[in-house]
């Protein structure tokens, strides 16, 4: 997938958004609308405000919680690189179509659908000699599921840690 992402002719901003979603495991809309002022480079965190989080708007304001995500060295590098392209914008991932706004949360899905698949460094070709793409096989939200599966099954991570990383509720009302 990373090879396909590196070889796609999609806008650099969209590529960085897709790669960031793999690292941060955020919901597509939460990341697509992220702002530079939500990143604390000193503390190495990004804070997704409760107002942009799924399910938070239904809660009383006093019960809403921001989602603070620690940034890995890789994410710090990605954000530094991204800032060269979008650092003068309010948004990490500004729209090229609607100036002054963030990208549409579906932009990453459109890019993923068009990406050619690769195996062993070679583009996968179907029986009609056309490139096989991720259309119908993967979505930007599906990247969260991929991360969850990898962390829970393959890396044997603690379930509650993974669920917290995904900003899911864990445990009973008593333990929350």
N, C-alpha and C. Protein backbone atom coordinates (compact mmCIF):
# COMPACT_ATOMS: atom_id res chain seq x y z
N UNK A 1 0.83 -1.20 0.00
CA UNK A 1 0.00 0.00 0.00
C UNK A 1 0.87 1.26 0.00
N UNK A 2 1.93 1.25 0.81
CA UNK A 2 2.80 2.44 0.88
C UNK A 2 3.51 2.69 -0.45
N UNK A 3 3.86 1.63 -1.16
CA UNK A 3 4.45 1.78 -2.49
C UNK A 3 3.43 2.42 -3.43
N UNK A 4 2.21 1.94 -3.39
CA UNK A 4 1.15 2.50 -4.23
C UNK A 4 0.94 3.98 -3.89
N UNK A 5 0.94 4.29 -2.60
CA UNK A 5 0.75 5.67 -2.17
C UNK A 5 1.89 6.56 -2.67
N UNK A 6 3.10 6.06 -2.60
CA UNK A 6 4.25 6.86 -3.05
C UNK A 6 4.26 7.07 -4.56
N UNK A 7 3.62 6.17 -5.30
CA UNK A 7 3.63 6.26 -6.76
C UNK A 7 2.39 6.88 -7.36
N UNK A 8 1.40 7.18 -6.54
CA UNK A 8 0.17 7.77 -7.07
C UNK A 8 0.42 9.22 -7.49
N UNK A 9 -0.35 9.69 -8.46
CA UNK A 9 -0.20 11.08 -8.91
C UNK A 9 -1.16 12.01 -8.18
N UNK A 10 -1.68 11.55 -7.05
CA UNK A 10 -2.58 12.35 -6.21
C UNK A 10 -1.83 13.53 -5.61
N UNK A 11 -2.55 14.60 -5.35
CA UNK A 11 -2.00 15.79 -4.72
C UNK A 11 -1.22 15.41 -3.46
N UNK A 12 -0.08 16.06 -3.25
CA UNK A 12 0.80 15.77 -2.11
C UNK A 12 0.07 15.92 -0.77
N UNK A 13 -0.84 16.88 -0.69
CA UNK A 13 -1.60 17.09 0.55
C UNK A 13 -2.45 15.86 0.87
N UNK A 14 -3.08 15.29 -0.13
CA UNK A 14 -3.92 14.10 0.06
C UNK A 14 -3.04 12.91 0.44
N UNK A 15 -1.89 12.78 -0.20
CA UNK A 15 -0.98 11.68 0.16
C UNK A 15 -0.55 11.77 1.61
N UNK A 16 -0.20 12.98 2.06
CA UNK A 16 0.19 13.16 3.46
C UNK A 16 -0.98 12.87 4.40
N UNK A 17 -2.19 13.22 4.00
CA UNK A 17 -3.36 12.94 4.84
C UNK A 17 -3.57 11.43 4.98
N UNK A 18 -3.44 10.70 3.89
CA UNK A 18 -3.60 9.24 3.93
C UNK A 18 -2.52 8.63 4.81
N UNK A 19 -1.29 9.04 4.61
CA UNK A 19 -0.19 8.49 5.42
C UNK A 19 -0.37 8.84 6.89
N UNK A 20 -0.79 10.06 7.17
CA UNK A 20 -1.03 10.47 8.56
C UNK A 20 -2.13 9.65 9.20
N UNK A 21 -3.15 9.31 8.43
CA UNK A 21 -4.25 8.53 9.00
C UNK A 21 -3.79 7.14 9.40
N UNK A 22 -2.81 6.60 8.72
CA UNK A 22 -2.24 5.30 9.10
C UNK A 22 -1.53 5.38 10.45
N UNK A 23 -0.85 6.48 10.68
CA UNK A 23 -0.11 6.66 11.93
C UNK A 23 -1.00 7.05 13.09
N UNK A 24 -1.97 7.93 12.84
CA UNK A 24 -2.76 8.51 13.92
C UNK A 24 -4.05 7.75 14.20
N UNK A 25 -4.53 6.97 13.27
CA UNK A 25 -5.74 6.16 13.41
C UNK A 25 -6.98 6.99 13.69
N UNK A 26 -7.02 8.21 13.20
CA UNK A 26 -8.18 9.08 13.40
C UNK A 26 -9.25 8.77 12.35
N UNK A 27 -10.44 9.23 12.62
CA UNK A 27 -11.51 9.14 11.63
C UNK A 27 -11.19 10.13 10.50
N UNK A 28 -11.60 9.80 9.27
CA UNK A 28 -11.24 10.66 8.13
C UNK A 28 -11.58 12.14 8.33
N UNK A 29 -12.78 12.45 8.81
CA UNK A 29 -13.19 13.85 8.96
C UNK A 29 -12.37 14.56 10.03
N UNK A 30 -12.05 13.84 11.11
CA UNK A 30 -11.26 14.43 12.20
C UNK A 30 -9.90 14.89 11.70
N UNK A 31 -9.29 14.08 10.84
CA UNK A 31 -7.96 14.42 10.33
C UNK A 31 -8.04 15.41 9.18
N UNK A 32 -8.99 15.23 8.28
CA UNK A 32 -9.10 16.11 7.12
C UNK A 32 -9.25 17.58 7.52
N UNK A 33 -9.89 17.83 8.65
CA UNK A 33 -10.14 19.20 9.11
C UNK A 33 -9.17 19.67 10.18
N UNK A 34 -8.09 18.92 10.38
CA UNK A 34 -7.10 19.29 11.40
C UNK A 34 -6.44 20.62 11.06
N UNK A 35 -6.11 21.36 12.11
CA UNK A 35 -5.51 22.70 11.97
C UNK A 35 -4.10 22.70 12.57
N UNK A 36 -3.29 23.58 12.06
CA UNK A 36 -1.92 23.67 12.55
C UNK A 36 -1.87 24.02 14.04
N UNK A 37 -2.82 24.81 14.52
CA UNK A 37 -2.78 25.20 15.93
C UNK A 37 -3.19 24.07 16.88
N UNK A 38 -3.58 22.92 16.32
CA UNK A 38 -3.91 21.75 17.14
C UNK A 38 -2.68 20.88 17.40
N UNK A 39 -1.58 21.22 16.76
CA UNK A 39 -0.34 20.48 16.96
C UNK A 39 0.53 21.22 17.96
N UNK A 40 1.01 20.50 18.96
CA UNK A 40 1.98 21.04 19.91
C UNK A 40 3.30 20.34 19.62
N UNK A 41 4.17 21.03 18.88
CA UNK A 41 5.43 20.43 18.47
C UNK A 41 6.35 20.15 19.66
N UNK A 42 6.27 20.98 20.70
CA UNK A 42 7.09 20.75 21.89
C UNK A 42 6.65 19.51 22.64
N UNK A 43 5.35 19.38 22.86
CA UNK A 43 4.81 18.24 23.59
C UNK A 43 4.66 17.01 22.69
N UNK A 44 4.83 17.20 21.39
CA UNK A 44 4.70 16.14 20.39
C UNK A 44 3.32 15.49 20.45
N UNK A 45 2.29 16.35 20.36
CA UNK A 45 0.91 15.88 20.37
C UNK A 45 0.09 16.64 19.33
N UNK A 46 -0.99 16.01 18.93
CA UNK A 46 -2.03 16.70 18.16
C UNK A 46 -3.32 16.47 18.93
N UNK A 47 -4.11 17.53 19.04
CA UNK A 47 -5.36 17.46 19.79
C UNK A 47 -6.53 17.62 18.82
N UNK A 48 -7.35 16.59 18.77
CA UNK A 48 -8.58 16.68 17.98
C UNK A 48 -9.66 17.19 18.93
N UNK A 49 -10.20 18.39 18.68
CA UNK A 49 -11.19 18.95 19.60
C UNK A 49 -12.47 18.11 19.67
N UNK A 50 -13.06 18.09 20.83
CA UNK A 50 -14.29 17.32 21.04
C UNK A 50 -15.37 17.72 20.04
N UNK A 51 -15.39 18.97 19.64
CA UNK A 51 -16.41 19.45 18.71
C UNK A 51 -16.33 18.76 17.35
N UNK A 52 -15.18 18.17 17.02
CA UNK A 52 -15.01 17.48 15.75
C UNK A 52 -15.03 15.95 15.90
N UNK A 53 -15.20 15.49 17.11
CA UNK A 53 -15.15 14.06 17.40
C UNK A 53 -16.53 13.43 17.25
N UNK A 54 -16.55 12.21 16.75
CA UNK A 54 -17.80 11.46 16.61
C UNK A 54 -18.45 11.28 17.98
N UNK A 55 -19.74 11.59 18.06
CA UNK A 55 -20.50 11.35 19.28
C UNK A 55 -20.34 12.38 20.37
N UNK A 56 -19.39 13.28 20.26
CA UNK A 56 -19.15 14.25 21.33
C UNK A 56 -20.21 15.35 21.36
N UNK A 57 -20.78 15.70 20.21
CA UNK A 57 -21.75 16.80 20.17
C UNK A 57 -23.04 16.46 20.91
N UNK A 58 -23.31 15.16 21.09
CA UNK A 58 -24.51 14.75 21.82
C UNK A 58 -24.32 14.84 23.33
N UNK A 59 -23.10 15.01 23.77
CA UNK A 59 -22.81 15.06 25.20
C UNK A 59 -22.94 16.49 25.72
N UNK A 60 -23.17 16.60 27.01
CA UNK A 60 -23.13 17.92 27.65
C UNK A 60 -21.71 18.46 27.49
N UNK A 61 -21.60 19.76 27.34
CA UNK A 61 -20.28 20.37 27.11
C UNK A 61 -19.26 19.96 28.17
N UNK A 62 -19.69 19.82 29.41
CA UNK A 62 -18.77 19.45 30.50
C UNK A 62 -18.27 18.01 30.38
N UNK A 63 -18.97 17.18 29.59
CA UNK A 63 -18.58 15.78 29.43
C UNK A 63 -17.79 15.53 28.14
N UNK A 64 -17.70 16.52 27.28
CA UNK A 64 -16.97 16.36 26.03
C UNK A 64 -15.47 16.29 26.29
N UNK A 65 -14.80 15.43 25.55
CA UNK A 65 -13.36 15.28 25.73
C UNK A 65 -12.64 15.40 24.40
N UNK A 66 -11.59 16.22 24.40
CA UNK A 66 -10.71 16.28 23.24
C UNK A 66 -9.94 14.96 23.16
N UNK A 67 -9.48 14.63 21.98
CA UNK A 67 -8.66 13.42 21.81
C UNK A 67 -7.22 13.87 21.57
N UNK A 68 -6.36 13.62 22.54
CA UNK A 68 -4.96 14.02 22.44
C UNK A 68 -4.16 12.80 21.99
N UNK A 69 -3.45 12.96 20.89
CA UNK A 69 -2.71 11.85 20.28
C UNK A 69 -1.21 12.17 20.33
N UNK A 70 -0.42 11.29 20.94
CA UNK A 70 1.04 11.50 20.92
C UNK A 70 1.57 11.32 19.50
N UNK A 71 2.57 12.09 19.16
CA UNK A 71 3.15 12.03 17.81
C UNK A 71 4.47 11.28 17.83
N UNK A 72 4.58 10.30 16.96
CA UNK A 72 5.81 9.54 16.81
C UNK A 72 6.85 10.39 16.07
N UNK A 73 8.06 9.90 16.03
CA UNK A 73 9.11 10.58 15.25
C UNK A 73 8.70 10.67 13.79
N UNK A 74 8.07 9.62 13.29
CA UNK A 74 7.62 9.60 11.90
C UNK A 74 6.58 10.68 11.63
N UNK A 75 5.63 10.84 12.58
CA UNK A 75 4.61 11.88 12.39
C UNK A 75 5.21 13.27 12.51
N UNK A 76 6.16 13.44 13.38
CA UNK A 76 6.83 14.75 13.48
C UNK A 76 7.50 15.08 12.15
N UNK A 77 8.16 14.08 11.54
CA UNK A 77 8.81 14.28 10.24
C UNK A 77 7.76 14.61 9.18
N UNK A 78 6.65 13.87 9.17
CA UNK A 78 5.59 14.10 8.18
C UNK A 78 5.04 15.52 8.32
N UNK A 79 4.76 15.94 9.55
CA UNK A 79 4.21 17.28 9.75
C UNK A 79 5.21 18.37 9.38
N UNK A 80 6.49 18.14 9.64
CA UNK A 80 7.51 19.13 9.22
C UNK A 80 7.55 19.24 7.70
N UNK A 81 7.51 18.09 7.02
CA UNK A 81 7.49 18.09 5.56
C UNK A 81 6.22 18.75 5.03
N UNK A 82 5.09 18.38 5.62
CA UNK A 82 3.80 18.93 5.19
C UNK A 82 3.77 20.45 5.35
N UNK A 83 4.40 20.95 6.41
CA UNK A 83 4.38 22.39 6.66
C UNK A 83 5.04 23.18 5.52
N UNK A 84 5.93 22.55 4.78
CA UNK A 84 6.55 23.21 3.62
C UNK A 84 5.52 23.49 2.53
N UNK A 85 4.48 22.67 2.48
CA UNK A 85 3.44 22.80 1.46
C UNK A 85 2.22 23.56 1.95
N UNK A 86 1.88 23.37 3.24
CA UNK A 86 0.61 23.93 3.72
C UNK A 86 0.75 24.75 5.00
N UNK A 87 1.98 25.02 5.42
CA UNK A 87 2.21 25.73 6.68
C UNK A 87 1.63 27.13 6.73
N UNK A 88 1.38 27.74 5.58
CA UNK A 88 0.81 29.09 5.57
C UNK A 88 -0.71 29.06 5.61
N UNK A 89 -1.29 27.87 5.67
CA UNK A 89 -2.73 27.69 5.74
C UNK A 89 -3.15 27.46 7.19
N UNK A 90 -4.39 27.71 7.49
CA UNK A 90 -4.96 27.39 8.80
C UNK A 90 -5.04 25.87 8.99
N UNK A 91 -5.24 25.15 7.88
CA UNK A 91 -5.46 23.71 7.91
C UNK A 91 -4.20 22.94 7.51
N UNK A 92 -4.04 21.78 8.09
CA UNK A 92 -2.94 20.90 7.68
C UNK A 92 -3.15 20.47 6.24
N UNK A 93 -4.41 20.21 5.90
CA UNK A 93 -4.75 19.68 4.58
C UNK A 93 -5.76 20.61 3.91
N UNK A 94 -5.30 21.76 3.41
CA UNK A 94 -6.24 22.72 2.80
C UNK A 94 -6.73 22.25 1.43
N UNK A 95 -7.93 22.64 1.11
CA UNK A 95 -8.53 22.33 -0.18
C UNK A 95 -7.88 23.17 -1.27
N UNK A 96 -7.64 22.56 -2.41
CA UNK A 96 -7.18 23.30 -3.58
C UNK A 96 -8.36 23.86 -4.37
N UNK A 97 -9.56 23.38 -4.03
CA UNK A 97 -10.76 23.78 -4.75
C UNK A 97 -11.50 24.89 -4.01
N UNK A 98 -11.71 24.68 -2.72
CA UNK A 98 -12.41 25.67 -1.89
C UNK A 98 -11.38 26.38 -1.02
N UNK A 99 -10.87 27.47 -1.52
CA UNK A 99 -9.81 28.22 -0.85
C UNK A 99 -10.27 28.65 0.54
N UNK A 100 -9.39 28.46 1.52
CA UNK A 100 -9.70 28.85 2.89
C UNK A 100 -10.43 27.76 3.67
N UNK A 101 -10.63 26.60 3.04
CA UNK A 101 -11.30 25.49 3.72
C UNK A 101 -10.39 24.26 3.71
N UNK A 102 -10.72 23.30 4.55
CA UNK A 102 -9.99 22.03 4.57
C UNK A 102 -10.46 21.15 3.42
N UNK A 103 -9.68 20.12 3.13
CA UNK A 103 -10.10 19.17 2.12
C UNK A 103 -11.40 18.50 2.54
N UNK A 104 -12.11 17.98 1.59
CA UNK A 104 -13.31 17.22 1.88
C UNK A 104 -12.89 15.90 2.51
N UNK A 105 -13.63 15.45 3.49
CA UNK A 105 -13.25 14.21 4.18
C UNK A 105 -13.30 12.99 3.26
N UNK A 106 -13.92 13.12 2.10
CA UNK A 106 -13.96 12.01 1.13
C UNK A 106 -12.80 12.06 0.12
N UNK A 107 -11.99 13.10 0.17
CA UNK A 107 -10.88 13.24 -0.78
C UNK A 107 -9.92 12.05 -0.73
N UNK A 108 -9.66 11.56 0.48
CA UNK A 108 -8.76 10.42 0.62
C UNK A 108 -9.38 9.16 0.02
N UNK A 109 -10.68 8.99 0.18
CA UNK A 109 -11.35 7.83 -0.43
C UNK A 109 -11.23 7.85 -1.94
N UNK A 110 -11.43 9.01 -2.53
CA UNK A 110 -11.32 9.14 -3.98
C UNK A 110 -9.91 8.76 -4.43
N UNK A 111 -8.91 9.23 -3.72
CA UNK A 111 -7.52 8.93 -4.07
C UNK A 111 -7.22 7.44 -3.91
N UNK A 112 -7.68 6.85 -2.81
CA UNK A 112 -7.43 5.42 -2.56
C UNK A 112 -8.08 4.56 -3.65
N UNK A 113 -9.29 4.89 -4.04
CA UNK A 113 -9.99 4.13 -5.09
C UNK A 113 -9.20 4.11 -6.39
N UNK A 114 -8.50 5.19 -6.68
CA UNK A 114 -7.77 5.32 -7.94
C UNK A 114 -6.36 4.73 -7.89
N UNK A 115 -5.87 4.46 -6.69
CA UNK A 115 -4.49 3.98 -6.56
C UNK A 115 -4.33 2.58 -7.13
N UNK A 116 -3.29 2.39 -7.92
CA UNK A 116 -2.97 1.07 -8.46
C UNK A 116 -2.36 0.21 -7.36
N UNK A 117 -2.66 -1.09 -7.40
CA UNK A 117 -2.09 -2.03 -6.44
C UNK A 117 -0.75 -2.55 -6.97
N UNK A 118 0.15 -2.85 -6.03
CA UNK A 118 1.46 -3.39 -6.38
C UNK A 118 1.72 -4.65 -5.56
N UNK A 119 2.40 -5.60 -6.19
CA UNK A 119 2.87 -6.80 -5.50
C UNK A 119 4.32 -7.02 -5.90
N UNK A 120 5.17 -7.19 -4.91
CA UNK A 120 6.60 -7.38 -5.15
C UNK A 120 7.17 -6.26 -6.04
N UNK A 121 6.70 -5.04 -5.82
CA UNK A 121 7.20 -3.88 -6.55
C UNK A 121 6.64 -3.70 -7.93
N UNK A 122 5.79 -4.62 -8.37
CA UNK A 122 5.22 -4.55 -9.72
C UNK A 122 3.73 -4.23 -9.64
N UNK A 123 3.27 -3.41 -10.57
CA UNK A 123 1.85 -3.08 -10.65
C UNK A 123 1.04 -4.33 -10.98
N UNK A 124 -0.08 -4.50 -10.29
CA UNK A 124 -0.95 -5.65 -10.52
C UNK A 124 -1.85 -5.32 -11.72
N UNK A 125 -1.88 -6.26 -12.68
CA UNK A 125 -2.65 -6.08 -13.91
C UNK A 125 -3.73 -7.17 -13.97
N UNK A 126 -4.96 -6.79 -14.38
CA UNK A 126 -6.03 -7.79 -14.48
C UNK A 126 -5.98 -8.50 -15.83
N UNK A 127 -6.95 -9.39 -16.06
CA UNK A 127 -6.97 -10.20 -17.29
C UNK A 127 -7.19 -9.34 -18.54
N UNK A 128 -7.73 -8.13 -18.39
CA UNK A 128 -7.91 -7.22 -19.51
C UNK A 128 -6.73 -6.28 -19.69
N UNK A 129 -5.64 -6.58 -18.98
CA UNK A 129 -4.41 -5.80 -19.04
C UNK A 129 -4.58 -4.37 -18.50
N UNK A 130 -5.49 -4.23 -17.50
CA UNK A 130 -5.71 -2.94 -16.86
C UNK A 130 -5.20 -3.02 -15.42
N UNK A 131 -4.70 -1.89 -14.91
CA UNK A 131 -4.22 -1.90 -13.52
C UNK A 131 -5.34 -2.19 -12.53
N UNK A 132 -5.05 -3.01 -11.55
CA UNK A 132 -5.99 -3.29 -10.47
C UNK A 132 -5.84 -2.17 -9.45
N UNK A 133 -6.97 -1.63 -8.99
CA UNK A 133 -6.93 -0.53 -8.03
C UNK A 133 -7.54 -0.97 -6.70
N UNK A 134 -7.52 -0.06 -5.73
CA UNK A 134 -8.10 -0.32 -4.42
C UNK A 134 -9.60 -0.07 -4.37
N UNK A 135 -10.19 0.32 -5.50
CA UNK A 135 -11.63 0.58 -5.54
C UNK A 135 -12.39 -0.66 -5.06
N UNK A 136 -13.27 -0.46 -4.08
CA UNK A 136 -14.04 -1.56 -3.54
C UNK A 136 -13.28 -2.46 -2.58
N UNK A 137 -12.01 -2.15 -2.36
CA UNK A 137 -11.18 -2.99 -1.49
C UNK A 137 -10.73 -2.28 -0.22
N UNK A 138 -10.66 -0.96 -0.24
CA UNK A 138 -10.14 -0.21 0.91
C UNK A 138 -10.71 1.19 0.91
N UNK A 139 -11.00 1.71 2.10
CA UNK A 139 -11.43 3.10 2.27
C UNK A 139 -10.53 3.75 3.32
N UNK A 140 -10.60 5.07 3.41
CA UNK A 140 -9.79 5.76 4.41
C UNK A 140 -10.21 5.34 5.82
N UNK A 141 -11.50 5.13 6.04
CA UNK A 141 -11.93 4.67 7.36
C UNK A 141 -11.46 3.23 7.61
N UNK A 142 -11.34 2.46 6.55
CA UNK A 142 -10.86 1.09 6.65
C UNK A 142 -9.43 1.00 7.15
N UNK A 143 -8.67 2.08 6.98
CA UNK A 143 -7.30 2.10 7.50
C UNK A 143 -7.31 1.99 9.02
N UNK A 144 -8.35 2.53 9.66
CA UNK A 144 -8.49 2.40 11.13
C UNK A 144 -8.68 0.94 11.51
N UNK A 145 -9.51 0.24 10.75
CA UNK A 145 -9.73 -1.18 11.01
C UNK A 145 -8.46 -1.99 10.82
N UNK A 146 -7.71 -1.63 9.79
CA UNK A 146 -6.43 -2.31 9.54
C UNK A 146 -5.49 -2.10 10.71
N UNK A 147 -5.41 -0.88 11.20
CA UNK A 147 -4.54 -0.58 12.35
C UNK A 147 -5.01 -1.33 13.58
N UNK A 148 -6.31 -1.35 13.83
CA UNK A 148 -6.85 -2.05 14.99
C UNK A 148 -6.53 -3.54 14.93
N UNK A 149 -6.74 -4.13 13.76
CA UNK A 149 -6.46 -5.56 13.60
C UNK A 149 -4.98 -5.85 13.84
N UNK A 150 -4.12 -5.04 13.23
CA UNK A 150 -2.68 -5.27 13.39
C UNK A 150 -2.26 -5.14 14.84
N UNK A 151 -2.73 -4.11 15.51
CA UNK A 151 -2.32 -3.90 16.90
C UNK A 151 -2.92 -4.93 17.85
N UNK A 152 -4.17 -5.29 17.64
CA UNK A 152 -4.81 -6.25 18.53
C UNK A 152 -4.37 -7.69 18.29
N UNK A 153 -4.22 -8.08 17.04
CA UNK A 153 -3.92 -9.48 16.73
C UNK A 153 -2.45 -9.76 16.51
N UNK A 154 -1.84 -9.01 15.64
CA UNK A 154 -0.48 -9.32 15.25
C UNK A 154 0.56 -8.83 16.25
N UNK A 155 0.31 -7.69 16.87
CA UNK A 155 1.28 -7.15 17.82
C UNK A 155 0.90 -7.45 19.26
N UNK A 156 -0.25 -8.06 19.45
CA UNK A 156 -0.70 -8.47 20.78
C UNK A 156 -0.72 -7.31 21.77
N UNK A 157 -1.21 -6.15 21.30
CA UNK A 157 -1.31 -4.98 22.18
C UNK A 157 -2.52 -5.11 23.09
N UNK A 158 -2.51 -4.40 24.19
CA UNK A 158 -3.62 -4.37 25.13
C UNK A 158 -4.85 -3.77 24.43
N UNK A 159 -5.97 -4.47 24.52
CA UNK A 159 -7.21 -4.07 23.84
C UNK A 159 -7.62 -2.64 24.20
N UNK A 160 -7.61 -2.30 25.48
CA UNK A 160 -8.04 -0.97 25.91
C UNK A 160 -7.12 0.12 25.37
N UNK A 161 -5.84 -0.17 25.25
CA UNK A 161 -4.89 0.81 24.70
C UNK A 161 -5.23 1.10 23.25
N UNK A 162 -5.50 0.03 22.50
CA UNK A 162 -5.85 0.19 21.08
C UNK A 162 -7.17 0.94 20.94
N UNK A 163 -8.15 0.59 21.75
CA UNK A 163 -9.45 1.26 21.69
C UNK A 163 -9.33 2.74 22.04
N UNK A 164 -8.50 3.06 23.00
CA UNK A 164 -8.27 4.47 23.35
C UNK A 164 -7.59 5.20 22.19
N UNK A 165 -6.64 4.54 21.54
CA UNK A 165 -5.97 5.15 20.39
C UNK A 165 -6.95 5.46 19.27
N UNK A 166 -7.97 4.61 19.15
CA UNK A 166 -9.01 4.81 18.13
C UNK A 166 -10.10 5.77 18.59
N UNK A 167 -9.96 6.28 19.78
CA UNK A 167 -10.95 7.15 20.45
C UNK A 167 -12.29 6.46 20.61
N UNK A 168 -12.24 5.17 20.91
CA UNK A 168 -13.44 4.40 21.22
C UNK A 168 -13.63 4.37 22.73
N UNK A 169 -14.88 4.23 23.15
CA UNK A 169 -15.16 4.03 24.57
C UNK A 169 -14.66 2.65 24.97
N UNK A 170 -14.16 2.54 26.18
CA UNK A 170 -13.74 1.22 26.68
C UNK A 170 -14.31 0.99 28.06
N UNK A 171 -14.49 -0.26 28.39
CA UNK A 171 -14.92 -0.64 29.72
C UNK A 171 -16.37 -0.28 30.00
N UNK A 172 -16.76 -0.51 31.23
CA UNK A 172 -18.12 -0.19 31.66
C UNK A 172 -18.21 1.26 32.08
N UNK A 173 -19.43 1.71 32.38
CA UNK A 173 -19.64 3.08 32.87
C UNK A 173 -18.81 3.32 34.12
N UNK A 174 -18.66 2.29 34.95
CA UNK A 174 -17.94 2.42 36.20
C UNK A 174 -16.45 2.67 35.94
N UNK A 175 -15.89 1.99 34.94
CA UNK A 175 -14.45 2.12 34.69
C UNK A 175 -14.10 3.32 33.84
N UNK A 176 -15.10 4.00 33.28
CA UNK A 176 -14.79 5.14 32.39
C UNK A 176 -14.49 6.39 33.15
